[in-house]
Amino acid sequence: LLAPGEQRAFRRFGALPGRFPIDAATAVLAGREFASAGSEEALSVLTGLIDKSLLLRAESSVATRPLYQMLETVGAYAALELTAADERDDALAALARYCSAEASLAAKGLVGPAQAEWLDRVRDDLESYRSALAWLIERGRPAEASDIAWNLMFFWLIRGHAAEGLWWYEQTLNLPSLPPAAESRALLGAAVMRYTQGEHGRAHTGATRALALAHAAGDLEMIAQAQHLFGYIEYALGNMNAARDQFTHSVEGFRILAIPWGTGYSLSGLAAVALVTGDAGEAERLLDEAASVLRHAGPWFVSLARYMRAVLAVRHGNPDQAIMLVRESLTPIRELHDKFAFIYTLVPLAAAAALKDDHAWAARILGARDAVIERTGIAIVDPQVDD
């Protein structure tokens, strides 16, 4: 009963496995003629399919970005029709191009002041990203898959999807004819995910190969990112001199490139080294310097500094100050739905509870921490912390 244009749109939307915005609908409608279809045409057919109850308005995390979706059974039928019409690859190629462009925007948004909005935006598009990555890997297109997975790195990390991020990086690395730049990104992305899971040896191996490829290509940003990760790996392994050297190099590299999040986060790493080696004054100075730089970055990058200030408060026997600092941290943690920082923040909070002789509260805090660790696979990688 649908008009021919609506029939085509109906099956094309079968390439979109979950919620999708108007831009994704425009992309799959256009197919290989990616630039030829406009959002007005897409909106027109969307409206027609909504009127016929074949498409629904969906809940969106970003108020200015409406989303749509099909009921599961309707979407499954649309996907069958798409395959029967021999249009699946055309539609998925267009979806992959859309996801690649969107992920490039996300890479900037995820480290900037609108970080919370971009985390939600990636979450809204996550099923499309998964579908595009699966198709690119199925078709043996590792460079594009590597780009998308790498650009979403902070989403995997912050939202507790490290295991999934690692899986996509590994799938990319398993493909033949992987270009060096794509291999470097996939190796470093996998190393970051392994670091968060406490696999320091494998993280070190992957980061070493990524750094070698980045040096060979003269990719200054990848070099700085690899050195930054090496700093945290050496720190976790207790090699403080090596960690200090790596963080110092990464600070220099990020400053040359004018990347605030990298500069500030590497300075926070240097502060962590100073704290472990007993130089609390230097740690405070570095944290102040990091805070100044991180005013131009996303709020997630400040979480490490707050964590270390809370640790300092515990060390100085001031549990009330530690609790106050944790309370300040919890607001952005909630806004970002940040699993990574949440686990760390609970450590000084439990220590503060113990200092106040409230051992039942401390036990509840550690129980909550362990429950999140079990769900996400994130490990505490701090030599200051004694489980």
Protein backbone atom coordinates (compact mmCIF):
# COMPACT_ATOMS: atom_id res chain seq x y z
CA LEU A 1 0.00 0.00 0.00
CA LEU A 2 3.01 2.31 0.11
CA ALA A 3 3.97 4.59 -2.75
CA PRO A 4 7.20 3.51 -4.53
CA GLY A 5 9.27 6.20 -2.78
CA GLU A 6 7.96 5.12 0.61
CA GLN A 7 8.64 1.48 -0.21
CA ARG A 8 12.25 2.30 -0.98
CA ALA A 9 12.61 4.40 2.17
CA PHE A 10 11.00 1.66 4.27
CA ARG A 11 13.49 -1.00 3.21
CA ARG A 12 16.41 1.45 3.34
CA PHE A 13 15.63 2.24 6.95
CA GLY A 14 16.06 -1.47 7.59
CA ALA A 15 19.82 -0.75 7.47
CA LEU A 16 19.41 1.36 10.63
CA PRO A 17 19.27 -1.12 13.51
CA GLY A 18 18.24 1.20 16.34
CA ARG A 19 17.38 4.84 16.87
CA PHE A 20 18.58 7.19 14.15
CA PRO A 21 18.58 10.95 13.39
CA ILE A 22 17.48 12.62 10.18
CA ASP A 23 21.08 12.76 8.90
CA ALA A 24 21.44 8.98 9.07
CA ALA A 25 18.11 8.56 7.30
CA THR A 26 19.27 10.97 4.59
CA ALA A 27 22.49 8.99 4.13
CA VAL A 28 20.90 5.56 3.66
CA LEU A 29 18.24 7.00 1.36
CA ALA A 30 20.93 8.47 -0.88
CA GLY A 31 23.14 5.38 -0.86
CA ARG A 32 26.20 5.72 -3.08
CA GLU A 33 24.82 9.03 -4.32
CA PHE A 34 25.56 10.32 -0.83
CA ALA A 35 25.25 14.02 -1.61
CA SER A 36 22.15 13.85 -3.78
CA ALA A 37 19.40 13.36 -1.20
CA GLY A 38 18.38 16.18 1.09
CA SER A 39 17.04 16.17 4.63
CA GLU A 40 13.73 17.61 3.33
CA GLU A 41 13.16 14.48 1.25
CA ALA A 42 14.11 12.26 4.17
CA LEU A 43 11.83 14.18 6.53
CA SER A 44 8.95 13.87 4.06
CA VAL A 45 9.18 10.08 3.84
CA LEU A 46 9.79 9.83 7.60
CA THR A 47 6.56 11.74 8.18
CA GLY A 48 4.69 9.49 5.77
CA LEU A 49 5.92 6.32 7.48
CA ILE A 50 5.11 7.75 10.91
CA ASP A 51 1.57 8.50 9.74
CA LYS A 52 1.28 4.85 8.67
CA SER A 53 2.62 3.61 12.03
CA LEU A 54 5.68 2.02 10.40
CA LEU A 55 8.06 4.42 12.09
CA LEU A 56 8.06 5.95 15.58
CA ARG A 57 9.56 9.00 17.20
CA ALA A 58 12.16 7.78 19.71
CA GLU A 59 13.50 9.22 22.92
CA SER A 60 16.58 11.36 22.34
CA SER A 61 19.31 12.33 24.80
CA VAL A 62 19.89 15.58 22.89
CA ALA A 63 16.75 17.71 22.73
CA THR A 64 17.73 19.45 19.48
CA ARG A 65 18.38 16.14 17.68
CA PRO A 66 15.13 14.17 17.19
CA LEU A 67 15.45 10.42 16.72
CA TYR A 68 13.30 7.81 14.98
CA GLN A 69 13.06 4.04 15.12
CA MET A 70 11.13 1.05 13.81
CA LEU A 71 9.50 -1.57 15.98
CA GLU A 72 11.77 -4.62 16.09
CA THR A 73 9.56 -6.84 13.97
CA VAL A 74 8.94 -4.07 11.43
CA GLY A 75 12.67 -3.36 11.24
CA ALA A 76 13.44 -7.05 10.71
CA TYR A 77 10.98 -7.17 7.82
CA ALA A 78 12.47 -3.98 6.33
CA ALA A 79 15.96 -5.55 6.53
CA LEU A 80 14.69 -8.64 4.67
CA GLU A 81 13.18 -6.45 1.96
CA LEU A 82 16.45 -4.51 1.72
CA THR A 83 18.40 -7.74 1.09
CA ALA A 84 15.79 -9.02 -1.36
CA ALA A 85 16.09 -5.80 -3.35
CA ASP A 86 19.90 -6.26 -3.46
CA GLU A 87 20.37 -2.88 -1.81
CA ARG A 88 21.92 -3.95 1.51
CA ASP A 89 25.53 -3.17 0.65
CA ASP A 90 24.62 0.15 -0.91
CA ALA A 91 22.68 1.24 2.18
CA LEU A 92 25.33 0.00 4.61
CA ALA A 93 28.11 1.69 2.64
CA ALA A 94 26.20 4.94 3.04
CA LEU A 95 25.67 4.24 6.76
CA ALA A 96 29.40 3.63 7.15
CA ARG A 97 30.18 6.97 5.49
CA TYR A 98 27.69 8.69 7.78
CA CYS A 99 29.21 7.00 10.86
CA SER A 100 32.73 7.89 9.76
CA ALA A 101 31.82 11.57 9.40
CA GLU A 102 29.87 11.57 12.66
CA ALA A 103 32.71 9.84 14.54
CA SER A 104 35.15 12.49 13.31
CA LEU A 105 32.92 15.14 14.86
CA ALA A 106 32.57 13.04 18.01
CA ALA A 107 36.36 12.79 18.37
CA LYS A 108 36.48 16.57 18.85
CA GLY A 109 33.29 16.80 20.90
CA LEU A 110 34.30 14.04 23.31
CA VAL A 111 37.33 16.02 24.51
CA GLY A 112 35.70 19.46 24.55
CA PRO A 113 33.38 21.43 26.84
CA ALA A 114 30.27 19.77 25.33
CA GLN A 115 31.59 16.35 26.35
CA ALA A 116 28.39 15.25 28.12
CA GLU A 117 26.25 16.02 25.06
CA TRP A 118 28.62 14.14 22.76
CA LEU A 119 28.73 11.10 25.03
CA ASP A 120 24.93 11.00 24.83
CA ARG A 121 24.99 11.58 21.09
CA VAL A 122 27.35 8.63 20.55
CA ARG A 123 25.15 6.51 22.80
CA ASP A 124 22.10 7.42 20.70
CA ASP A 125 23.96 6.35 17.54
CA LEU A 126 25.65 3.30 19.07
CA GLU A 127 23.64 0.68 17.19
CA SER A 128 24.42 2.41 13.90
CA TYR A 129 28.11 2.51 14.79
CA ARG A 130 28.05 -1.19 15.60
CA SER A 131 26.30 -2.01 12.34
CA ALA A 132 28.74 0.10 10.31
CA LEU A 133 31.80 -1.38 12.04
CA ALA A 134 30.54 -4.93 11.52
CA TRP A 135 29.91 -4.28 7.81
CA LEU A 136 33.31 -2.61 7.28
CA ILE A 137 35.06 -5.55 8.93
CA GLU A 138 32.93 -8.02 6.97
CA ARG A 139 33.97 -6.23 3.77
CA GLY A 140 37.66 -6.08 4.74
CA ARG A 141 37.90 -2.30 5.05
CA PRO A 142 40.16 -1.92 8.12
CA ALA A 143 41.22 1.70 7.65
CA GLU A 144 37.64 2.99 7.91
CA ALA A 145 36.81 0.65 10.80
CA SER A 146 39.95 1.76 12.63
CA ASP A 147 39.04 5.43 12.17
CA ILE A 148 35.57 5.00 13.64
CA ALA A 149 36.66 2.84 16.59
CA TRP A 150 39.58 5.18 17.38
CA ASN A 151 37.42 8.31 17.25
CA LEU A 152 35.04 6.74 19.77
CA MET A 153 37.84 5.84 22.21
CA PHE A 154 36.74 8.18 24.98
CA PHE A 155 33.18 6.92 24.73
CA TRP A 156 34.34 3.31 25.22
CA LEU A 157 36.46 4.44 28.16
CA ILE A 158 34.14 6.81 30.01
CA ARG A 159 30.88 4.91 29.58
CA GLY A 160 32.33 1.55 30.67
CA HIS A 161 32.44 -0.06 27.21
CA ALA A 162 36.17 -0.92 27.31
CA ALA A 163 35.53 -4.60 26.54
CA GLU A 164 33.51 -3.70 23.46
CA GLY A 165 36.05 -1.11 22.31
CA LEU A 166 38.83 -3.70 22.68
CA TRP A 167 36.79 -6.20 20.64
CA TRP A 168 36.42 -3.76 17.73
CA TYR A 169 40.12 -2.88 17.80
CA GLU A 170 41.06 -6.56 17.81
CA GLN A 171 38.68 -7.33 14.94
CA THR A 172 40.33 -4.57 12.92
CA LEU A 173 43.84 -5.81 13.74
CA ASN A 174 42.88 -9.30 12.54
CA LEU A 175 42.21 -8.04 9.01
CA PRO A 176 44.88 -8.38 6.30
CA SER A 177 46.50 -5.43 4.52
CA LEU A 178 46.09 -3.06 7.45
CA PRO A 179 47.64 0.34 6.58
CA PRO A 180 50.28 1.49 9.11
CA ALA A 181 48.27 4.51 10.30
CA ALA A 182 45.17 2.38 10.89
CA GLU A 183 47.26 -0.28 12.63
CA SER A 184 48.81 2.34 14.92
CA ARG A 185 45.37 3.65 15.96
CA ALA A 186 43.93 0.19 16.52
CA LEU A 187 46.98 -0.92 18.50
CA LEU A 188 46.94 2.15 20.72
CA GLY A 189 43.16 1.99 21.20
CA ALA A 190 43.45 -1.67 22.22
CA ALA A 191 46.33 -0.80 24.56
CA VAL A 192 44.22 1.88 26.28
CA MET A 193 41.37 -0.58 26.81
CA ARG A 194 43.76 -3.24 28.15
CA TYR A 195 45.33 -0.71 30.52
CA THR A 196 41.93 0.06 32.03
CA GLN A 197 41.40 -3.66 32.56
CA GLY A 198 44.72 -4.09 34.34
CA GLU A 199 46.47 -5.96 31.48
CA HIS A 200 49.62 -3.87 31.71
CA GLY A 201 51.98 -6.26 29.92
CA ARG A 202 49.79 -6.59 26.82
CA ALA A 203 49.05 -2.85 26.90
CA HIS A 204 52.80 -2.14 26.94
CA THR A 205 53.42 -4.48 23.99
CA GLY A 206 50.67 -2.93 21.86
CA ALA A 207 51.66 0.63 22.72
CA THR A 208 55.31 -0.12 21.82
CA ARG A 209 54.30 -1.22 18.32
CA ALA A 210 51.91 1.75 17.96
CA LEU A 211 54.65 4.19 18.97
CA ALA A 212 57.09 2.68 16.46
CA LEU A 213 54.53 3.05 13.66
CA ALA A 214 53.74 6.63 14.72
CA HIS A 215 57.45 7.55 14.70
CA ALA A 216 57.86 6.00 11.24
CA ALA A 217 54.93 8.05 9.95
CA GLY A 218 55.96 11.24 11.75
CA ASP A 219 52.52 11.37 13.39
CA LEU A 220 53.18 13.78 16.27
CA GLU A 221 49.74 13.42 17.86
CA MET A 222 49.92 9.62 17.94
CA ILE A 223 53.44 9.84 19.38
CA ALA A 224 52.22 12.13 22.18
CA GLN A 225 49.23 9.89 22.88
CA ALA A 226 51.41 6.76 23.01
CA GLN A 227 53.90 8.44 25.37
CA HIS A 228 50.99 9.58 27.53
CA LEU A 229 49.70 6.01 27.78
CA PHE A 230 53.22 4.70 28.48
CA GLY A 231 53.38 7.12 31.40
CA TYR A 232 50.29 5.56 32.98
CA ILE A 233 51.46 2.01 32.24
CA GLU A 234 54.85 2.62 33.88
CA TYR A 235 53.09 4.34 36.79
CA ALA A 236 50.81 1.33 37.27
CA LEU A 237 53.86 -0.97 37.18
CA GLY A 238 55.59 1.13 39.85
CA ASN A 239 58.35 2.43 37.54
CA MET A 240 58.14 6.06 38.62
CA ASN A 241 61.28 7.36 36.88
CA ALA A 242 60.15 5.88 33.56
CA ALA A 243 56.62 7.23 34.13
CA ARG A 244 57.98 10.72 34.82
CA ASP A 245 60.04 10.65 31.62
CA GLN A 246 57.09 9.51 29.49
CA PHE A 247 54.70 12.07 30.96
CA THR A 248 57.30 14.83 30.44
CA HIS A 249 57.65 13.89 26.76
CA SER A 250 53.88 13.74 26.28
CA VAL A 251 53.39 17.16 27.92
CA GLU A 252 55.94 18.60 25.49
CA GLY A 253 54.28 16.92 22.52
CA PHE A 254 50.74 17.97 23.44
CA ARG A 255 51.86 21.54 24.09
CA ILE A 256 53.45 21.77 20.65
CA LEU A 257 50.18 20.52 19.14
CA ALA A 258 48.07 22.82 21.39
CA ILE A 259 45.90 19.94 22.65
CA PRO A 260 44.54 21.02 26.08
CA TRP A 261 43.15 17.67 27.24
CA GLY A 262 46.43 15.88 26.51
CA THR A 263 48.59 18.55 28.15
CA GLY A 264 46.41 18.71 31.26
CA TYR A 265 46.00 14.98 31.62
CA SER A 266 49.75 14.38 31.23
CA LEU A 267 50.43 17.07 33.87
CA SER A 268 48.00 15.18 36.13
CA GLY A 269 50.08 12.06 35.48
CA LEU A 270 53.22 13.92 36.58
CA ALA A 271 51.34 14.99 39.71
CA ALA A 272 50.48 11.35 40.43
CA VAL A 273 54.17 10.44 40.18
CA ALA A 274 55.09 13.30 42.53
CA LEU A 275 52.47 12.14 45.00
CA VAL A 276 53.73 8.55 45.02
CA THR A 277 57.35 9.67 45.40
CA GLY A 278 56.49 11.80 48.42
CA ASP A 279 56.61 15.31 46.95
CA ALA A 280 53.16 16.55 47.90
CA GLY A 281 54.07 20.19 47.22
CA GLU A 282 55.11 19.41 43.64
CA ALA A 283 51.96 17.34 43.20
CA GLU A 284 49.81 20.32 44.28
CA ARG A 285 51.69 22.66 41.92
CA LEU A 286 51.24 20.29 38.96
CA LEU A 287 47.55 19.80 39.75
CA ASP A 288 47.05 23.58 39.77
CA GLU A 289 48.84 23.84 36.41
CA ALA A 290 46.74 21.00 34.99
CA ALA A 291 43.52 22.64 36.22
CA SER A 292 44.43 25.85 34.40
CA VAL A 293 44.98 24.00 31.11
CA LEU A 294 41.93 21.77 31.47
CA ARG A 295 39.51 24.70 31.62
CA HIS A 296 39.43 24.36 27.82
CA ALA A 297 38.85 20.58 27.84
CA GLY A 298 35.99 18.27 28.74
CA PRO A 299 35.02 17.87 32.42
CA TRP A 300 36.09 14.20 32.49
CA PHE A 301 39.76 15.13 32.36
CA VAL A 302 39.49 17.01 35.68
CA SER A 303 38.34 13.85 37.50
CA LEU A 304 41.89 12.53 37.95
CA ALA A 305 43.00 15.77 39.62
CA ARG A 306 40.03 15.69 41.99
CA TYR A 307 40.79 12.06 42.81
CA MET A 308 44.40 12.90 43.69
CA ARG A 309 43.40 15.90 45.81
CA ALA A 310 41.04 13.61 47.74
CA VAL A 311 43.90 11.11 48.21
CA LEU A 312 46.08 13.96 49.52
CA ALA A 313 43.34 14.94 51.98
CA VAL A 314 43.16 11.36 53.28
CA ARG A 315 46.94 11.23 53.63
CA HIS A 316 46.84 14.44 55.65
CA GLY A 317 44.21 12.90 57.94
CA ASN A 318 41.41 15.20 56.77
CA PRO A 319 38.46 12.92 55.90
CA ASP A 320 35.91 15.76 55.75
CA GLN A 321 37.90 17.54 53.03
CA ALA A 322 38.21 14.25 51.12
CA ILE A 323 34.45 13.72 51.33
CA MET A 324 33.84 17.28 50.12
CA LEU A 325 36.12 16.72 47.13
CA VAL A 326 34.39 13.45 46.31
CA ARG A 327 31.01 15.18 46.51
CA GLU A 328 32.26 17.78 44.01
CA SER A 329 33.37 14.96 41.70
CA LEU A 330 30.07 13.12 41.77
CA THR A 331 28.12 15.85 39.96
CA PRO A 332 30.08 15.64 36.68
CA ILE A 333 30.36 11.88 37.11
CA ARG A 334 26.56 11.63 37.12
CA GLU A 335 26.22 14.03 34.18
CA LEU A 336 28.71 12.03 32.11
CA HIS A 337 27.45 8.61 33.31
CA ASP A 338 31.15 8.08 33.96
CA LYS A 339 31.94 4.53 35.07
CA PHE A 340 35.72 4.97 34.94
CA ALA A 341 36.07 7.96 37.28
CA PHE A 342 33.29 6.64 39.56
CA ILE A 343 35.35 3.58 40.47
CA TYR A 344 38.39 5.68 41.35
CA THR A 345 36.40 8.29 43.27
CA LEU A 346 35.03 5.65 45.62
CA VAL A 347 38.57 4.73 46.80
CA PRO A 348 39.36 7.92 48.79
CA LEU A 349 35.72 8.04 49.89
CA ALA A 350 36.04 4.58 51.47
CA ALA A 351 39.34 5.61 53.07
CA ALA A 352 37.71 8.76 54.46
CA ALA A 353 34.86 6.68 55.90
CA ALA A 354 37.42 4.41 57.56
CA LEU A 355 39.24 7.44 59.03
CA LYS A 356 35.92 8.48 60.56
CA ASP A 357 35.61 4.94 62.04
CA ASP A 358 32.47 4.31 59.97
CA HIS A 359 33.56 0.89 58.76
CA ALA A 360 30.06 -0.19 57.72
CA TRP A 361 29.88 2.81 55.35
CA ALA A 362 33.36 2.02 54.02
CA ALA A 363 32.29 -1.57 53.33
CA ARG A 364 29.19 -0.40 51.42
CA ILE A 365 31.31 1.97 49.33
CA LEU A 366 33.78 -0.77 48.43
CA GLY A 367 30.89 -3.12 47.65
CA ALA A 368 29.47 -0.56 45.19
CA ARG A 369 32.92 -0.16 43.64
CA ASP A 370 33.34 -3.91 43.22
CA ALA A 371 29.88 -4.21 41.62
CA VAL A 372 30.76 -1.61 38.96
CA ILE A 373 34.15 -3.26 38.36
CA GLU A 374 32.40 -6.59 37.81
CA ARG A 375 29.98 -5.07 35.26
CA THR A 376 32.54 -3.04 33.33
CA GLY A 377 35.82 -4.91 33.71
CA ILE A 378 37.58 -1.67 34.71
CA ALA A 379 40.43 -2.26 37.15
CA ILE A 380 42.01 0.12 39.67
CA VAL A 381 45.52 0.72 38.35
CA ASP A 382 47.11 2.87 41.04
CA PRO A 383 50.09 1.75 43.14
CA GLN A 384 48.84 4.07 45.90
CA VAL A 385 45.75 1.89 46.37
CA ASP A 386 45.96 -1.18 48.58
CA ASP A 387 42.93 -3.41 48.06
